Structure formats: structure tokens, C-alpha cells
Amino acid sequence: MKQATQVYSPAFDVAFFSLPQKIRTQIEAKIQELGRLLDVYPHQRLRGRRECRIRVADYRVFYTFDLGRNILYLHEVGNRREVYR
């Protein structure tokens, strides 16, 4: 499968660009991997929510996806202590 189109929410952008550069680089790499493997990636759904999550160090990225259209929607990113509240 080709690389999925990534759609960023405004809240994701604000939170992402406030993170340290080292963490942003790690998150970007993980998102690229997820986009390439969207159809076979082991998605971890959040209980009681539609979103899935990926883990990067102490940070979490919440996302949804549409396999039929090959789109990855990125909703939220933040420190694990804050994003689950």
C-alpha cells in the first residue's frame, strides 16, 4: 500500500509544534511508518473512543483512519499524563 494521506487537526498542529525538536522528529518517523503500513499496522484502539493511539516515548498520538480512502487523521498529541484526561 502506498503512503497514506495525512490530515492534521488544528489542535494537533498547535500541540505538535510546541514539543521539543527531538520528540517531534521521533513522532514524525512513527507517523510515516504508520502511513506506509496503515492496512497491516497493529492499531490500538482507546476504550470508549473512536481513536487509536501510537506511543512515542512519553508521548501519545491519537488518530483515526479510513482504509478505503487511504487517509490518516491525526487528532491529538501530548504527554501521556495529560492526553488521557
PDB file of N, CA and C in Angstrom:
ATOM      1  N   MET A   1       0.849  -1.183   0.000  1.00  0.00           N
ATOM      2  CA  MET A   1       0.000   0.000   0.000  1.00  0.00           C
ATOM      3  C   MET A   1       0.891   1.242   0.000  1.00  0.00           C
ATOM      4  N   LYS A   2       0.488   2.244  -0.772  1.00  0.00           N
ATOM      5  CA  LYS A   2       1.273   3.476  -0.806  1.00  0.00           C
ATOM      6  C   LYS A   2       1.043   4.300   0.458  1.00  0.00           C
ATOM      7  N   GLN A   3       1.885   5.288   0.652  1.00  0.00           N
ATOM      8  CA  GLN A   3       1.827   6.159   1.820  1.00  0.00           C
ATOM      9  C   GLN A   3       0.446   6.800   1.942  1.00  0.00           C
ATOM     10  N   ALA A   4      -0.135   6.731   3.130  1.00  0.00           N
ATOM     11  CA  ALA A   4      -1.451   7.320   3.377  1.00  0.00           C
ATOM     12  C   ALA A   4      -1.355   8.845   3.410  1.00  0.00           C
ATOM     13  N   THR A   5      -2.407   9.496   2.970  1.00  0.00           N
ATOM     14  CA  THR A   5      -2.516  10.945   3.080  1.00  0.00           C
ATOM     15  C   THR A   5      -2.738  11.281   4.546  1.00  0.00           C
ATOM     16  N   GLN A   6      -2.000  12.267   5.050  1.00  0.00           N
ATOM     17  CA  GLN A   6      -2.105  12.643   6.458  1.00  0.00           C
ATOM     18  C   GLN A   6      -2.888  13.939   6.585  1.00  0.00           C
ATOM     19  N   VAL A   7      -3.915  13.915   7.431  1.00  0.00           N
ATOM     20  CA  VAL A   7      -4.745  15.088   7.670  1.00  0.00           C
ATOM     21  C   VAL A   7      -4.592  15.459   9.142  1.00  0.00           C
ATOM     22  N   TYR A   8      -4.064  16.652   9.395  1.00  0.00           N
ATOM     23  CA  TYR A   8      -3.782  17.103  10.754  1.00  0.00           C
ATOM     24  C   TYR A   8      -4.881  18.034  11.241  1.00  0.00           C
ATOM     25  N   SER A   9      -5.347  17.820  12.472  1.00  0.00           N
ATOM     26  CA  SER A   9      -6.325  18.737  13.057  1.00  0.00           C
ATOM     27  C   SER A   9      -5.584  19.987  13.540  1.00  0.00           C
ATOM     28  N   PRO A  10      -6.272  21.114  13.659  1.00  0.00           N
ATOM     29  CA  PRO A  10      -5.627  22.321  14.179  1.00  0.00           C
ATOM     30  C   PRO A  10      -5.055  22.107  15.587  1.00  0.00           C
ATOM     31  N   ALA A  11      -5.761  21.360  16.431  1.00  0.00           N
ATOM     32  CA  ALA A  11      -5.271  21.094  17.788  1.00  0.00           C
ATOM     33  C   ALA A  11      -3.981  20.276  17.748  1.00  0.00           C
ATOM     34  N   PHE A  12      -3.902  19.336  16.821  1.00  0.00           N
ATOM     35  CA  PHE A  12      -2.686  18.530  16.679  1.00  0.00           C
ATOM     36  C   PHE A  12      -1.512  19.429  16.312  1.00  0.00           C
ATOM     37  N   ASP A  13      -1.709  20.314  15.332  1.00  0.00           N
ATOM     38  CA  ASP A  13      -0.635  21.208  14.892  1.00  0.00           C
ATOM     39  C   ASP A  13      -0.106  22.066  16.031  1.00  0.00           C
ATOM     40  N   VAL A  14      -1.001  22.669  16.793  1.00  0.00           N
ATOM     41  CA  VAL A  14      -0.590  23.536  17.896  1.00  0.00           C
ATOM     42  C   VAL A  14       0.229  22.744  18.910  1.00  0.00           C
ATOM     43  N   ALA A  15      -0.274  21.579  19.308  1.00  0.00           N
ATOM     44  CA  ALA A  15       0.428  20.767  20.302  1.00  0.00           C
ATOM     45  C   ALA A  15       1.747  20.233  19.751  1.00  0.00           C
ATOM     46  N   PHE A  16       1.742  19.799  18.499  1.00  0.00           N
ATOM     47  CA  PHE A  16       2.937  19.201  17.899  1.00  0.00           C
ATOM     48  C   PHE A  16       4.084  20.201  17.837  1.00  0.00           C
ATOM     49  N   PHE A  17       3.812  21.416  17.377  1.00  0.00           N
ATOM     50  CA  PHE A  17       4.882  22.396  17.221  1.00  0.00           C
ATOM     51  C   PHE A  17       5.339  23.001  18.544  1.00  0.00           C
ATOM     52  N   SER A  18       4.660  22.697  19.634  1.00  0.00           N
ATOM     53  CA  SER A  18       5.127  23.150  20.943  1.00  0.00           C
ATOM     54  C   SER A  18       6.031  22.107  21.611  1.00  0.00           C
ATOM     55  N   LEU A  19       6.184  20.941  20.991  1.00  0.00           N
ATOM     56  CA  LEU A  19       7.026  19.879  21.545  1.00  0.00           C
ATOM     57  C   LEU A  19       8.497  20.133  21.215  1.00  0.00           C
ATOM     58  N   PRO A  20       9.410  19.530  22.008  1.00  0.00           N
ATOM     59  CA  PRO A  20      10.842  19.640  21.689  1.00  0.00           C
ATOM     60  C   PRO A  20      11.159  19.004  20.331  1.00  0.00           C
ATOM     61  N   GLN A  21      12.158  19.540  19.649  1.00  0.00           N
ATOM     62  CA  GLN A  21      12.522  19.076  18.307  1.00  0.00           C
ATOM     63  C   GLN A  21      12.817  17.574  18.272  1.00  0.00           C
ATOM     64  N   LYS A  22      13.514  17.063  19.262  1.00  0.00           N
ATOM     65  CA  LYS A  22      13.873  15.637  19.287  1.00  0.00           C
ATOM     66  C   LYS A  22      12.619  14.759  19.292  1.00  0.00           C
ATOM     67  N   ILE A  23      11.634  15.127  20.090  1.00  0.00           N
ATOM     68  CA  ILE A  23      10.383  14.367  20.170  1.00  0.00           C
ATOM     69  C   ILE A  23       9.602  14.503  18.867  1.00  0.00           C
ATOM     70  N   ARG A  24       9.575  15.710  18.287  1.00  0.00           N
ATOM     71  CA  ARG A  24       8.871  15.906  17.010  1.00  0.00           C
ATOM     72  C   ARG A  24       9.445  15.010  15.922  1.00  0.00           C
ATOM     73  N   THR A  25      10.764  14.885  15.882  1.00  0.00           N
ATOM     74  CA  THR A  25      11.413  14.028  14.886  1.00  0.00           C
ATOM     75  C   THR A  25      11.006  12.575  15.077  1.00  0.00           C
ATOM     76  N   GLN A  26      10.973  12.116  16.320  1.00  0.00           N
ATOM     77  CA  GLN A  26      10.572  10.734  16.608  1.00  0.00           C
ATOM     78  C   GLN A  26       9.114  10.497  16.229  1.00  0.00           C
ATOM     79  N   ILE A  27       8.255  11.458  16.542  1.00  0.00           N
ATOM     80  CA  ILE A  27       6.832  11.334  16.215  1.00  0.00           C
ATOM     81  C   ILE A  27       6.634  11.329  14.700  1.00  0.00           C
ATOM     82  N   GLU A  28       7.337  12.200  13.990  1.00  0.00           N
ATOM     83  CA  GLU A  28       7.232  12.229  12.524  1.00  0.00           C
ATOM     84  C   GLU A  28       7.616  10.883  11.919  1.00  0.00           C
ATOM     85  N   ALA A  29       8.682  10.274  12.427  1.00  0.00           N
ATOM     86  CA  ALA A  29       9.124   8.971  11.915  1.00  0.00           C
ATOM     87  C   ALA A  29       8.065   7.901  12.157  1.00  0.00           C
ATOM     88  N   LYS A  30       7.460   7.925  13.339  1.00  0.00           N
ATOM     89  CA  LYS A  30       6.429   6.936  13.671  1.00  0.00           C
ATOM     90  C   LYS A  30       5.181   7.141  12.809  1.00  0.00           C
ATOM     91  N   ILE A  31       4.806   8.387  12.564  1.00  0.00           N
ATOM     92  CA  ILE A  31       3.644   8.678  11.720  1.00  0.00           C
ATOM     93  C   ILE A  31       3.904   8.219  10.281  1.00  0.00           C
ATOM     94  N   GLN A  32       5.121   8.431   9.791  1.00  0.00           N
ATOM     95  CA  GLN A  32       5.463   7.974   8.439  1.00  0.00           C
ATOM     96  C   GLN A  32       5.362   6.455   8.340  1.00  0.00           C
ATOM     97  N   GLU A  33       5.867   5.763   9.365  1.00  0.00           N
ATOM     98  CA  GLU A  33       5.776   4.297   9.393  1.00  0.00           C
ATOM     99  C   GLU A  33       4.314   3.854   9.396  1.00  0.00           C
ATOM    100  N   LEU A  34       3.512   4.493  10.236  1.00  0.00           N
ATOM    101  CA  LEU A  34       2.088   4.178  10.311  1.00  0.00           C
ATOM    102  C   LEU A  34       1.414   4.405   8.957  1.00  0.00           C
ATOM    103  N   GLY A  35       1.756   5.494   8.291  1.00  0.00           N
ATOM    104  CA  GLY A  35       1.170   5.798   6.985  1.00  0.00           C
ATOM    105  C   GLY A  35       1.521   4.779   5.912  1.00  0.00           C
ATOM    106  N   ARG A  36       2.734   4.246   5.967  1.00  0.00           N
ATOM    107  CA  ARG A  36       3.149   3.231   4.991  1.00  0.00           C
ATOM    108  C   ARG A  36       2.487   1.887   5.242  1.00  0.00           C
ATOM    109  N   LEU A  37       2.232   1.576   6.518  1.00  0.00           N
ATOM    110  CA  LEU A  37       1.716   0.260   6.899  1.00  0.00           C
ATOM    111  C   LEU A  37       0.284   0.323   7.416  1.00  0.00           C
ATOM    112  N   LEU A  38      -0.477   1.295   6.984  1.00  0.00           N
ATOM    113  CA  LEU A  38      -1.809   1.544   7.537  1.00  0.00           C
ATOM    114  C   LEU A  38      -2.703   0.312   7.516  1.00  0.00           C
ATOM    115  N   ASP A  39      -2.630  -0.483   6.468  1.00  0.00           N
ATOM    116  CA  ASP A  39      -3.517  -1.646   6.355  1.00  0.00           C
ATOM    117  C   ASP A  39      -3.095  -2.821   7.232  1.00  0.00           C
ATOM    118  N   VAL A  40      -1.837  -2.898   7.651  1.00  0.00           N
ATOM    119  CA  VAL A  40      -1.369  -4.036   8.458  1.00  0.00           C
ATOM    120  C   VAL A  40      -0.848  -3.623   9.832  1.00  0.00           C
ATOM    121  N   TYR A  41      -0.830  -2.329  10.118  1.00  0.00           N
ATOM    122  CA  TYR A  41      -0.303  -1.838  11.394  1.00  0.00           C
ATOM    123  C   TYR A  41      -1.183  -2.328  12.544  1.00  0.00           C
ATOM    124  N   PRO A  42      -0.584  -2.725  13.681  1.00  0.00           N
ATOM    125  CA  PRO A  42      -1.396  -3.186  14.824  1.00  0.00           C
ATOM    126  C   PRO A  42      -2.014  -2.002  15.584  1.00  0.00           C
ATOM    127  N   HIS A  43      -3.146  -1.526  15.123  1.00  0.00           N
ATOM    128  CA  HIS A  43      -3.808  -0.360  15.717  1.00  0.00           C
ATOM    129  C   HIS A  43      -4.311  -0.693  17.117  1.00  0.00           C
ATOM    130  N   GLN A  44      -4.052   0.207  18.072  1.00  0.00           N
ATOM    131  CA  GLN A  44      -4.513   0.030  19.447  1.00  0.00           C
ATOM    132  C   GLN A  44      -5.612   1.048  19.723  1.00  0.00           C
ATOM    133  N   ARG A  45      -6.845   0.565  19.751  1.00  0.00           N
ATOM    134  CA  ARG A  45      -7.994   1.448  19.993  1.00  0.00           C
ATOM    135  C   ARG A  45      -8.068   1.844  21.464  1.00  0.00           C
ATOM    136  N   LEU A  46      -8.542   3.066  21.678  1.00  0.00           N
ATOM    137  CA  LEU A  46      -8.765   3.558  23.032  1.00  0.00           C
ATOM    138  C   LEU A  46     -10.149   3.125  23.489  1.00  0.00           C
ATOM    139  N   ARG A  47     -10.250   2.722  24.713  1.00  0.00           N
ATOM    140  CA  ARG A  47     -11.554   2.307  25.248  1.00  0.00           C
ATOM    141  C   ARG A  47     -12.509   3.490  25.314  1.00  0.00           C
ATOM    142  N   GLY A  48     -13.715   3.273  24.832  1.00  0.00           N
ATOM    143  CA  GLY A  48     -14.747   4.300  24.900  1.00  0.00           C
ATOM    144  C   GLY A  48     -14.577   5.437  23.904  1.00  0.00           C
ATOM    145  N   ARG A  49     -13.623   5.314  22.991  1.00  0.00           N
ATOM    146  CA  ARG A  49     -13.388   6.360  21.996  1.00  0.00           C
ATOM    147  C   ARG A  49     -13.181   5.729  20.628  1.00  0.00           C
ATOM    148  N   ARG A  50     -13.322   6.515  19.579  1.00  0.00           N
ATOM    149  CA  ARG A  50     -13.098   6.028  18.212  1.00  0.00           C
ATOM    150  C   ARG A  50     -11.623   5.953  17.865  1.00  0.00           C
ATOM    151  N   GLU A  51     -10.812   6.773  18.532  1.00  0.00           N
ATOM    152  CA  GLU A  51      -9.419   6.913  18.148  1.00  0.00           C
ATOM    153  C   GLU A  51      -8.561   5.707  18.520  1.00  0.00           C
ATOM    154  N   CYS A  52      -7.460   5.605  17.804  1.00  0.00           N
ATOM    155  CA  CYS A  52      -6.394   4.663  18.127  1.00  0.00           C
ATOM    156  C   CYS A  52      -5.224   5.501  18.634  1.00  0.00           C
ATOM    157  N   ARG A  53      -4.199   4.823  19.148  1.00  0.00           N
ATOM    158  CA  ARG A  53      -3.049   5.572  19.643  1.00  0.00           C
ATOM    159  C   ARG A  53      -1.756   4.933  19.177  1.00  0.00           C
ATOM    160  N   ILE A  54      -0.731   5.761  19.076  1.00  0.00           N
ATOM    161  CA  ILE A  54       0.628   5.265  18.937  1.00  0.00           C
ATOM    162  C   ILE A  54       1.446   5.888  20.053  1.00  0.00           C
ATOM    163  N   ARG A  55       2.438   5.167  20.479  1.00  0.00           N
ATOM    164  CA  ARG A  55       3.270   5.579  21.597  1.00  0.00           C
ATOM    165  C   ARG A  55       4.653   5.967  21.085  1.00  0.00           C
ATOM    166  N   VAL A  56       5.121   7.123  21.523  1.00  0.00           N
ATOM    167  CA  VAL A  56       6.471   7.580  21.207  1.00  0.00           C
ATOM    168  C   VAL A  56       7.051   8.155  22.490  1.00  0.00           C
ATOM    169  N   ALA A  57       7.925   7.391  23.130  1.00  0.00           N
ATOM    170  CA  ALA A  57       8.496   7.770  24.427  1.00  0.00           C
ATOM    171  C   ALA A  57       7.349   8.031  25.415  1.00  0.00           C
ATOM    172  N   ASP A  58       7.319   9.198  26.046  1.00  0.00           N
ATOM    173  CA  ASP A  58       6.250   9.528  26.997  1.00  0.00           C
ATOM    174  C   ASP A  58       5.093  10.268  26.330  1.00  0.00           C
ATOM    175  N   TYR A  59       5.047  10.257  25.018  1.00  0.00           N
ATOM    176  CA  TYR A  59       4.016  10.977  24.276  1.00  0.00           C
ATOM    177  C   TYR A  59       3.084  10.012  23.562  1.00  0.00           C
ATOM    178  N   ARG A  60       1.848  10.465  23.343  1.00  0.00           N
ATOM    179  CA  ARG A  60       0.856   9.664  22.639  1.00  0.00           C
ATOM    180  C   ARG A  60       0.280  10.487  21.494  1.00  0.00           C
ATOM    181  N   VAL A  61       0.023   9.798  20.399  1.00  0.00           N
ATOM    182  CA  VAL A  61      -0.622  10.406  19.236  1.00  0.00           C
ATOM    183  C   VAL A  61      -1.941   9.678  19.041  1.00  0.00           C
ATOM    184  N   PHE A  62      -3.044  10.411  19.030  1.00  0.00           N
ATOM    185  CA  PHE A  62      -4.369   9.830  18.812  1.00  0.00           C
ATOM    186  C   PHE A  62      -4.766  10.080  17.359  1.00  0.00           C
ATOM    187  N   TYR A  63      -5.271   9.042  16.716  1.00  0.00           N
ATOM    188  CA  TYR A  63      -5.591   9.133  15.300  1.00  0.00           C
ATOM    189  C   TYR A  63      -6.765   8.230  14.947  1.00  0.00           C
ATOM    190  N   THR A  64      -7.358   8.496  13.799  1.00  0.00           N
ATOM    191  CA  THR A  64      -8.328   7.600  13.166  1.00  0.00           C
ATOM    192  C   THR A  64      -7.856   7.428  11.728  1.00  0.00           C
ATOM    193  N   PHE A  65      -8.469   6.488  11.023  1.00  0.00           N
ATOM    194  CA  PHE A  65      -8.041   6.241   9.650  1.00  0.00           C
ATOM    195  C   PHE A  65      -9.198   5.731   8.816  1.00  0.00           C
ATOM    196  N   ASP A  66      -9.051   5.895   7.517  1.00  0.00           N
ATOM    197  CA  ASP A  66     -10.023   5.409   6.543  1.00  0.00           C
ATOM    198  C   ASP A  66      -9.241   4.588   5.523  1.00  0.00           C
ATOM    199  N   LEU A  67      -9.295   3.270   5.658  1.00  0.00           N
ATOM    200  CA  LEU A  67      -8.540   2.392   4.760  1.00  0.00           C
ATOM    201  C   LEU A  67      -9.016   2.494   3.318  1.00  0.00           C
ATOM    202  N   GLY A  68     -10.316   2.631   3.120  1.00  0.00           N
ATOM    203  CA  GLY A  68     -10.858   2.716   1.767  1.00  0.00           C
ATOM    204  C   GLY A  68     -10.315   3.899   0.986  1.00  0.00           C
ATOM    205  N   ARG A  69     -10.135   5.015   1.666  1.00  0.00           N
ATOM    206  CA  ARG A  69      -9.628   6.230   1.019  1.00  0.00           C
ATOM    207  C   ARG A  69      -8.140   6.434   1.273  1.00  0.00           C
ATOM    208  N   ASN A  70      -7.528   5.564   2.097  1.00  0.00           N
ATOM    209  CA  ASN A  70      -6.101   5.624   2.439  1.00  0.00           C
ATOM    210  C   ASN A  70      -5.737   6.973   3.068  1.00  0.00           C
ATOM    211  N   ILE A  71      -6.499   7.344   4.118  1.00  0.00           N
ATOM    212  CA  ILE A  71      -6.289   8.614   4.810  1.00  0.00           C
ATOM    213  C   ILE A  71      -6.061   8.349   6.291  1.00  0.00           C
ATOM    214  N   LEU A  72      -5.090   9.065   6.852  1.00  0.00           N
ATOM    215  CA  LEU A  72      -4.761   9.004   8.271  1.00  0.00           C
ATOM    216  C   LEU A  72      -5.099  10.363   8.880  1.00  0.00           C
ATOM    217  N   TYR A  73      -6.026  10.378   9.838  1.00  0.00           N
ATOM    218  CA  TYR A  73      -6.447  11.618  10.502  1.00  0.00           C
ATOM    219  C   TYR A  73      -5.752  11.699  11.855  1.00  0.00           C
ATOM    220  N   LEU A  74      -4.943  12.726  12.063  1.00  0.00           N
ATOM    221  CA  LEU A  74      -4.211  12.911  13.312  1.00  0.00           C
ATOM    222  C   LEU A  74      -4.944  13.949  14.153  1.00  0.00           C
ATOM    223  N   HIS A  75      -5.420  13.520  15.332  1.00  0.00           N
ATOM    224  CA  HIS A  75      -6.290  14.364  16.148  1.00  0.00           C
ATOM    225  C   HIS A  75      -5.588  15.072  17.291  1.00  0.00           C
ATOM    226  N   GLU A  76      -4.718  14.364  17.996  1.00  0.00           N
ATOM    227  CA  GLU A  76      -4.182  14.910  19.241  1.00  0.00           C
ATOM    228  C   GLU A  76      -2.807  14.320  19.509  1.00  0.00           C
ATOM    229  N   VAL A  77      -1.934  15.109  20.110  1.00  0.00           N
ATOM    230  CA  VAL A  77      -0.622  14.637  20.540  1.00  0.00           C
ATOM    231  C   VAL A  77      -0.294  15.330  21.854  1.00  0.00           C
ATOM    232  N   GLY A  78       0.358  14.612  22.751  1.00  0.00           N
ATOM    233  CA  GLY A  78       0.742  15.205  24.024  1.00  0.00           C
ATOM    234  C   GLY A  78       1.370  14.198  24.950  1.00  0.00           C
ATOM    235  N   ASN A  79       1.805  14.702  26.085  1.00  0.00           N
ATOM    236  CA  ASN A  79       2.390  13.845  27.102  1.00  0.00           C
ATOM    237  C   ASN A  79       1.333  12.888  27.628  1.00  0.00           C
ATOM    238  N   ARG A  80       1.732  11.669  27.885  1.00  0.00           N
ATOM    239  CA  ARG A  80       0.778  10.636  28.305  1.00  0.00           C
ATOM    240  C   ARG A  80       0.031  11.006  29.581  1.00  0.00           C
ATOM    241  N   ARG A  81       0.635  11.825  30.425  1.00  0.00           N
ATOM    242  CA  ARG A  81      -0.024  12.219  31.680  1.00  0.00           C
ATOM    243  C   ARG A  81      -1.173  13.193  31.441  1.00  0.00           C
ATOM    244  N   GLU A  82      -1.150  13.865  30.299  1.00  0.00           N
ATOM    245  CA  GLU A  82      -2.140  14.906  30.032  1.00  0.00           C
ATOM    246  C   GLU A  82      -3.208  14.507  29.014  1.00  0.00           C
ATOM    247  N   VAL A  83      -2.866  13.715  28.022  1.00  0.00           N
ATOM    248  CA  VAL A  83      -3.803  13.459  26.922  1.00  0.00           C
ATOM    249  C   VAL A  83      -4.959  12.540  27.287  1.00  0.00           C
ATOM    250  N   TYR A  84      -4.811  11.739  28.313  1.00  0.00           N
ATOM    251  CA  TYR A  84      -5.890  10.827  28.686  1.00  0.00           C
ATOM    252  C   TYR A  84      -6.937  11.490  29.579  1.00  0.00           C
ATOM    253  N   ARG A  85      -6.726  12.724  29.974  1.00  0.00           N
ATOM    254  CA  ARG A  85      -7.664  13.417  30.871  1.00  0.00           C
ATOM    255  C   ARG A  85      -8.822  13.988  30.123  1.00  0.00           C
TER     256      ARG A  85
END
